Protein backbone atom coordinates (compact mmCIF):
# COMPACT_ATOMS: atom_id res chain seq x y z
CA MET A 1 2.61 4.43 26.50
CA HIS A 2 -0.12 4.31 23.92
CA HIS A 3 -3.69 5.47 23.66
CA ILE A 4 -6.41 3.83 21.56
CA GLU A 5 -9.70 5.42 20.62
CA SER A 6 -12.53 4.13 18.45
CA VAL A 7 -13.73 6.69 15.92
CA THR A 8 -16.27 6.63 13.11
CA LEU A 9 -15.67 8.23 9.73
CA ASP A 10 -19.02 8.39 7.94
CA GLU A 11 -19.95 4.67 7.59
CA LEU A 12 -16.66 3.15 8.73
CA GLU A 13 -15.40 2.10 12.13
CA CYS A 14 -11.78 3.11 12.69
CA TRP A 15 -9.13 3.09 15.39
CA HIS A 16 -6.97 6.04 16.34
CA PHE A 17 -3.66 5.00 17.89
CA GLN A 18 -1.27 7.34 19.66
CA HIS A 19 2.19 6.11 20.58
CA GLY A 20 4.53 8.79 21.86
CA GLN A 21 4.39 11.57 19.26
CA ALA A 22 3.06 9.27 16.54
CA GLN A 23 -0.58 9.41 15.47
CA LEU A 24 -1.97 6.53 13.38
CA LEU A 25 -5.48 6.14 11.98
CA VAL A 26 -6.61 2.69 10.78
CA ALA A 27 -9.94 1.60 9.27
CA LYS A 28 -11.42 -1.76 10.23
CA GLN A 29 -12.54 -2.11 6.62
CA GLY A 30 -9.59 -3.35 4.64
CA ALA A 31 -7.21 -3.08 7.63
CA GLN A 32 -6.28 0.15 5.91
CA VAL A 33 -3.89 2.66 7.41
CA LEU A 34 -5.56 6.02 6.68
CA SER A 35 -2.98 8.47 8.02
CA TYR A 36 0.31 8.65 9.90
CA GLN A 37 1.94 11.73 11.40
CA VAL A 38 4.58 12.40 14.03
CA GLY A 39 4.14 15.41 16.30
CA ASP A 40 3.80 18.73 14.51
CA GLU A 41 5.72 17.52 11.45
CA PRO A 42 3.88 17.34 8.10
CA PRO A 43 1.94 14.09 7.61
CA ILE A 44 3.83 11.10 6.20
CA ILE A 45 0.89 9.02 4.97
CA TRP A 46 -1.57 11.17 3.00
CA LEU A 47 -5.12 11.52 4.31
CA ASN A 48 -7.14 12.52 1.26
CA GLU A 49 -9.59 15.23 2.32
CA LYS A 50 -12.07 14.02 -0.33
CA ALA A 51 -11.83 10.32 0.54
CA GLN A 52 -15.19 8.54 0.79
CA PHE A 53 -15.62 6.30 3.82
CA LYS A 54 -18.39 4.00 2.61
CA GLN A 55 -19.00 0.36 3.42
CA GLY A 56 -18.12 -1.93 0.55
CA HIS A 57 -16.15 0.72 -1.36
CA GLY A 58 -12.39 1.12 -1.65
CA ILE A 59 -10.92 4.19 0.07
CA ARG A 60 -8.52 6.35 -1.97
CA THR A 61 -6.10 7.30 0.77
CA GLY A 62 -3.54 5.89 3.17
CA VAL A 63 -2.30 2.35 2.50
CA PRO A 64 -4.91 0.13 0.80
CA VAL A 65 -4.13 -3.60 0.92
CA CYS A 66 -4.31 -5.06 -2.60
CA TRP A 67 -4.64 -8.88 -2.49
CA PRO A 68 -4.80 -11.60 -3.97
CA TRP A 69 -4.22 -9.63 -7.15
CA PHE A 70 -3.07 -6.11 -7.93
CA GLY A 71 -4.82 -3.72 -10.33
CA ASN A 72 -6.78 -5.17 -13.24
CA LEU A 73 -6.86 -8.97 -12.89
CA ALA A 74 -6.85 -9.37 -16.68
CA LEU A 75 -3.43 -7.69 -16.83
CA ASN A 76 -1.93 -10.05 -14.27
CA PRO A 77 0.14 -13.14 -15.17
CA GLN A 78 -1.97 -16.12 -16.18
CA SER A 79 -1.14 -18.08 -13.03
CA VAL A 80 -2.72 -15.34 -10.89
CA GLN A 81 -5.77 -15.10 -13.16
CA ALA A 82 -6.26 -18.88 -12.96
CA MET A 83 -6.79 -18.71 -9.20
CA ARG A 84 -10.14 -16.99 -9.69
CA HIS A 85 -13.18 -19.13 -10.53
CA SER A 86 -16.02 -16.77 -11.45
CA ASP A 87 -17.80 -15.35 -14.47
CA GLU A 88 -18.52 -12.10 -12.64
CA PRO A 89 -16.33 -9.05 -13.41
CA ALA A 90 -13.26 -8.95 -11.18
CA THR A 91 -12.90 -5.96 -8.89
CA ALA A 92 -9.73 -3.88 -9.16
CA HIS A 93 -7.00 -4.56 -6.59
CA GLY A 94 -8.40 -7.84 -5.33
CA LEU A 95 -10.88 -8.86 -2.67
CA VAL A 96 -9.81 -7.73 0.80
CA ARG A 97 -9.76 -3.93 0.83
CA THR A 98 -13.53 -3.74 1.36
CA ARG A 99 -13.83 -6.59 3.87
CA GLU A 100 -14.04 -6.22 7.65
CA TRP A 101 -10.89 -7.23 9.52
CA GLU A 102 -10.54 -7.93 13.23
CA VAL A 103 -7.98 -7.08 15.88
CA LEU A 104 -5.98 -10.15 16.82
CA GLU A 105 -3.59 -8.47 19.25
CA ILE A 106 -2.43 -5.10 20.53
CA ASP A 107 0.85 -5.19 22.41
CA ASP A 108 2.60 -2.16 23.89
CA ALA A 109 5.98 -3.75 24.53
CA GLY A 110 8.74 -1.40 25.53
CA GLU A 111 9.21 1.35 22.95
CA ALA A 112 7.06 -0.24 20.23
CA LEU A 113 3.33 -0.57 19.70
CA HIS A 114 2.34 -3.72 17.80
CA ILE A 115 -1.09 -4.17 16.19
CA ALA A 116 -2.06 -7.46 14.51
CA LEU A 117 -5.14 -7.57 12.29
CA GLY A 118 -6.63 -10.66 10.69
CA LEU A 119 -9.20 -11.42 8.05
CA PRO A 120 -11.81 -13.79 9.51
CA HIS A 121 -13.87 -16.38 7.60
CA ILE A 122 -11.30 -16.81 4.83
CA GLU A 123 -10.75 -20.54 5.45
CA GLY A 124 -13.05 -21.52 2.59
CA GLY A 125 -11.66 -18.79 0.38
CA LEU A 126 -13.30 -15.61 -0.85
CA PRO A 127 -16.13 -15.16 -3.38
CA GLY A 128 -14.86 -16.51 -6.69
CA TRP A 129 -11.48 -17.30 -5.11
CA PRO A 130 -11.82 -20.68 -3.30
CA HIS A 131 -8.42 -21.04 -1.62
CA ASP A 132 -7.56 -21.50 2.04
CA VAL A 133 -4.95 -18.79 2.63
CA ALA A 134 -4.68 -17.13 6.04
CA LEU A 135 -3.96 -13.40 5.88
CA THR A 136 -2.51 -11.24 8.66
CA LEU A 137 -1.54 -7.55 8.64
CA ASN A 138 0.94 -6.47 11.29
CA ILE A 139 1.58 -2.81 12.10
CA ARG A 140 4.42 -1.75 14.36
CA LEU A 141 5.04 1.78 15.59
CA ASP A 142 8.42 2.68 17.01
CA SER A 143 10.60 5.42 15.53
CA GLN A 144 9.12 4.39 12.17
CA LEU A 145 5.92 2.87 10.78
CA HIS A 146 6.27 -0.79 9.80
CA ILE A 147 3.52 -2.57 7.84
CA SER A 148 3.72 -6.26 6.91
CA LEU A 149 1.25 -8.55 5.14
CA THR A 150 1.67 -12.32 5.65
CA SER A 151 -0.03 -14.92 3.45
CA HIS A 152 -0.01 -18.55 4.67
CA ASN A 153 -1.23 -21.21 2.25
CA ARG A 154 -3.23 -23.77 4.22
CA SER A 155 -4.65 -25.48 1.13
CA SER A 156 -3.37 -28.62 -0.61
CA ILE A 157 -2.43 -26.92 -3.92
CA PRO A 158 -0.01 -24.13 -4.88
CA VAL A 159 -1.60 -20.66 -4.88
CA SER A 160 -0.30 -17.74 -6.99
CA ILE A 161 -0.92 -14.15 -5.94
CA SER A 162 0.06 -10.61 -6.82
CA GLN A 163 -0.26 -7.95 -4.12
CA ALA A 164 0.71 -4.50 -2.95
CA LEU A 165 0.78 -2.16 0.01
CA HIS A 166 -0.61 0.75 -2.04
CA SER A 167 0.98 3.60 -0.06
CA TYR A 168 -0.07 7.22 -0.64
CA PHE A 169 2.69 9.47 0.69
CA ALA A 170 2.10 13.10 1.63
CA VAL A 171 4.37 15.55 -0.19
CA SER A 172 4.63 19.34 -0.21
CA ASP A 173 4.33 19.53 -4.02
CA VAL A 174 4.91 16.49 -6.24
CA ARG A 175 6.44 18.76 -8.89
CA LYS A 176 9.33 19.52 -6.53
CA VAL A 177 10.14 16.07 -5.13
CA GLU A 178 12.36 13.34 -6.50
CA VAL A 179 12.57 9.60 -5.95
CA LYS A 180 16.03 8.16 -5.36
CA GLY A 181 17.01 4.52 -5.74
CA VAL A 182 15.51 3.96 -9.20
CA ASP A 183 18.42 5.10 -11.40
CA GLY A 184 19.30 2.35 -13.89
CA LEU A 185 16.23 0.22 -13.15
CA THR A 186 13.92 -1.11 -15.85
CA TYR A 187 10.32 0.01 -15.60
CA ILE A 188 7.11 -0.76 -17.46
CA ASP A 189 5.38 2.43 -18.60
CA THR A 190 1.68 1.53 -18.45
CA LEU A 191 0.83 4.89 -20.08
CA ASP A 192 2.95 4.12 -23.17
CA ASP A 193 1.71 0.72 -24.38
CA TRP A 194 3.43 -1.06 -21.47
CA LYS A 195 6.87 -0.48 -22.94
CA ARG A 196 9.95 -1.46 -20.95
CA VAL A 197 12.23 1.53 -20.38
CA ALA A 198 15.53 2.11 -18.57
CA GLN A 199 15.37 4.78 -15.89
CA ALA A 200 18.04 7.47 -16.27
CA GLY A 201 18.77 9.36 -13.06
CA ASP A 202 16.43 10.10 -10.17
CA LEU A 203 12.70 10.23 -10.90
CA THR A 204 10.99 13.64 -11.03
CA PHE A 205 7.40 14.47 -11.98
CA SER A 206 5.99 16.73 -14.69
CA SER A 207 3.00 14.72 -15.97
CA GLU A 208 0.82 11.70 -15.15
CA THR A 209 3.03 8.81 -14.04
CA ASP A 210 2.14 5.12 -13.77
CA ARG A 211 5.19 2.87 -13.78
CA ILE A 212 6.04 -0.62 -12.58
CA TYR A 213 9.70 -0.74 -11.53
CA LEU A 214 11.35 -4.16 -11.72
CA ASP A 215 14.12 -5.69 -9.59
CA THR A 216 13.94 -2.78 -7.19
CA PRO A 217 16.39 -2.39 -4.29
CA GLN A 218 15.19 -2.65 -0.71
CA GLN A 219 15.57 1.07 -0.18
CA LEU A 220 13.81 3.88 -2.05
CA SER A 221 13.46 7.46 -0.86
CA ILE A 222 11.36 10.56 -1.52
CA VAL A 223 13.37 13.77 -1.23
CA ASP A 224 11.11 16.73 -0.42
CA PRO A 225 13.08 20.01 -0.23
CA ASP A 226 10.11 22.23 0.67
CA TRP A 227 9.46 20.12 3.77
CA SER A 228 13.22 19.67 4.37
CA ARG A 229 12.88 15.92 4.71
CA THR A 230 13.55 12.57 3.09
CA LEU A 231 11.06 9.72 3.44
CA GLU A 232 13.00 6.46 3.60
CA LEU A 233 11.14 3.35 2.43
CA THR A 234 12.63 -0.04 3.20
CA SER A 235 10.88 -3.06 1.71
CA ARG A 236 11.19 -6.80 2.27
CA GLY A 237 9.64 -9.67 0.35
CA SER A 238 9.34 -7.44 -2.72
CA ARG A 239 11.29 -6.99 -5.95
CA SER A 240 8.86 -4.58 -7.63
CA ALA A 241 7.35 -1.18 -6.95
CA VAL A 242 4.58 0.83 -8.58
CA ILE A 243 5.02 4.61 -8.71
CA TRP A 244 1.88 6.58 -9.52
CA ASN A 245 0.58 10.13 -9.66
CA PRO A 246 -2.62 10.97 -11.59
CA TRP A 247 -1.69 14.60 -12.42
CA ILE A 248 -4.36 17.04 -13.65
CA ASP A 249 -6.51 15.32 -16.28
CA LYS A 250 -6.74 11.93 -14.55
CA THR A 251 -7.59 13.59 -11.23
CA ALA A 252 -10.48 15.41 -12.94
CA THR A 253 -12.07 11.98 -13.57
CA LEU A 254 -11.81 10.94 -9.91
CA GLY A 255 -14.85 11.84 -7.83
CA ASP A 256 -12.99 11.25 -4.57
CA MET A 257 -10.03 13.59 -5.02
CA ALA A 258 -9.83 17.37 -5.01
CA ALA A 259 -8.87 18.98 -8.32
CA ASP A 260 -5.44 19.85 -6.90
CA GLY A 261 -5.10 16.73 -4.75
CA TRP A 262 -2.51 15.25 -7.11
CA GLN A 263 -0.04 17.94 -5.98
CA ARG A 264 -0.05 16.69 -2.38
CA MET A 265 0.43 12.94 -2.88
CA LEU A 266 2.73 10.38 -4.43
CA CYS A 267 2.15 6.64 -4.48
CA ILE A 268 5.08 4.29 -4.12
CA GLU A 269 3.55 0.86 -3.78
CA THR A 270 5.58 -1.96 -2.27
CA ALA A 271 4.50 -4.85 -4.46
CA ASN A 272 4.75 -8.35 -5.88
CA VAL A 273 3.65 -7.87 -9.49
CA MET A 274 4.53 -9.00 -13.04
CA ASP A 275 7.62 -11.30 -12.86
CA ASP A 276 7.64 -10.79 -9.09
CA ILE A 277 4.38 -12.62 -8.31
CA ILE A 278 4.37 -15.10 -5.42
CA THR A 279 3.50 -18.79 -5.71
CA LEU A 280 2.90 -20.37 -2.31
CA GLU A 281 3.33 -24.12 -2.08
CA PRO A 282 1.05 -25.93 0.41
CA GLY A 283 2.05 -24.92 3.92
CA ALA A 284 4.27 -22.06 2.76
CA SER A 285 4.11 -18.43 3.88
CA HIS A 286 5.28 -15.13 2.43
CA THR A 287 5.57 -11.70 4.08
CA LEU A 288 5.49 -8.44 2.14
CA SER A 289 6.58 -5.47 4.23
CA VAL A 290 7.61 -1.83 4.19
CA SER A 291 9.19 0.33 6.88
CA ILE A 292 8.64 4.08 6.58
CA GLY A 293 10.76 6.71 8.28
CA SER A 294 11.42 10.42 7.94
CA GLU A 295 14.80 12.15 8.15
CA ARG A 296 15.72 15.82 8.01
CA LEU A 297 17.49 16.85 4.83
CA LYS A 298 21.19 17.37 5.33
CA THR A 299 22.28 20.92 4.49
């Protein structure tokens, strides 16, 4: 059984979903998951207490949808840059995280709650991006949270995109957690002249981190001893992941994060970036997805 309630956060219309013990908050703007928690356990998706819920502005919390490019467009492969036809400055993380989405379907079937959200009026493309690509975000709640983003190219030419489900995970203290599944991978260190580096061992955090991991496995995990849990992240349609924490100095430049907010969050972004961009032939579709679950640490 599920319960749905409409709520307003400052300027934004949101939906609060309850399914069993799971609580999920989703903003209509950007189809953005804002928070996810199960029962009395610590939150899984981080709800930034300083997030600004303003129309037309990206929200630094939850799971922003970055599409049809990720990050700074000028740092994307040329094929992704070529899709945009405008002399105006390109916004970071694409064009859909500040647009209004609509509910296509809510289905409480058996032990799962399924929510389908669509982006209307995209048939003629988006401002400066004139391509007919249908976009759907599906959220499923069962024993885990599943988020999937499907792009369907309805135009007559190939379309190249980069994208990410920019997930902010709640952690007890980022200085005490580690990320497993990255040992031996190559990553691009965007803070060190975009050098390519080989990861040695599990990833721990002691300073600002902004890395693009390449050829990632389907499964990554965040081990959090203070909360006695492991967050298991299972991706599909992705061979890259961005791992980010702003640390102290970067956070001080962010007007929408508390000075110590960096301690309570860690971004692992399920992505298609760099060599992992997607080119959709006419009529083709691609689905980028992540499933998020929590397990007690084995003692």
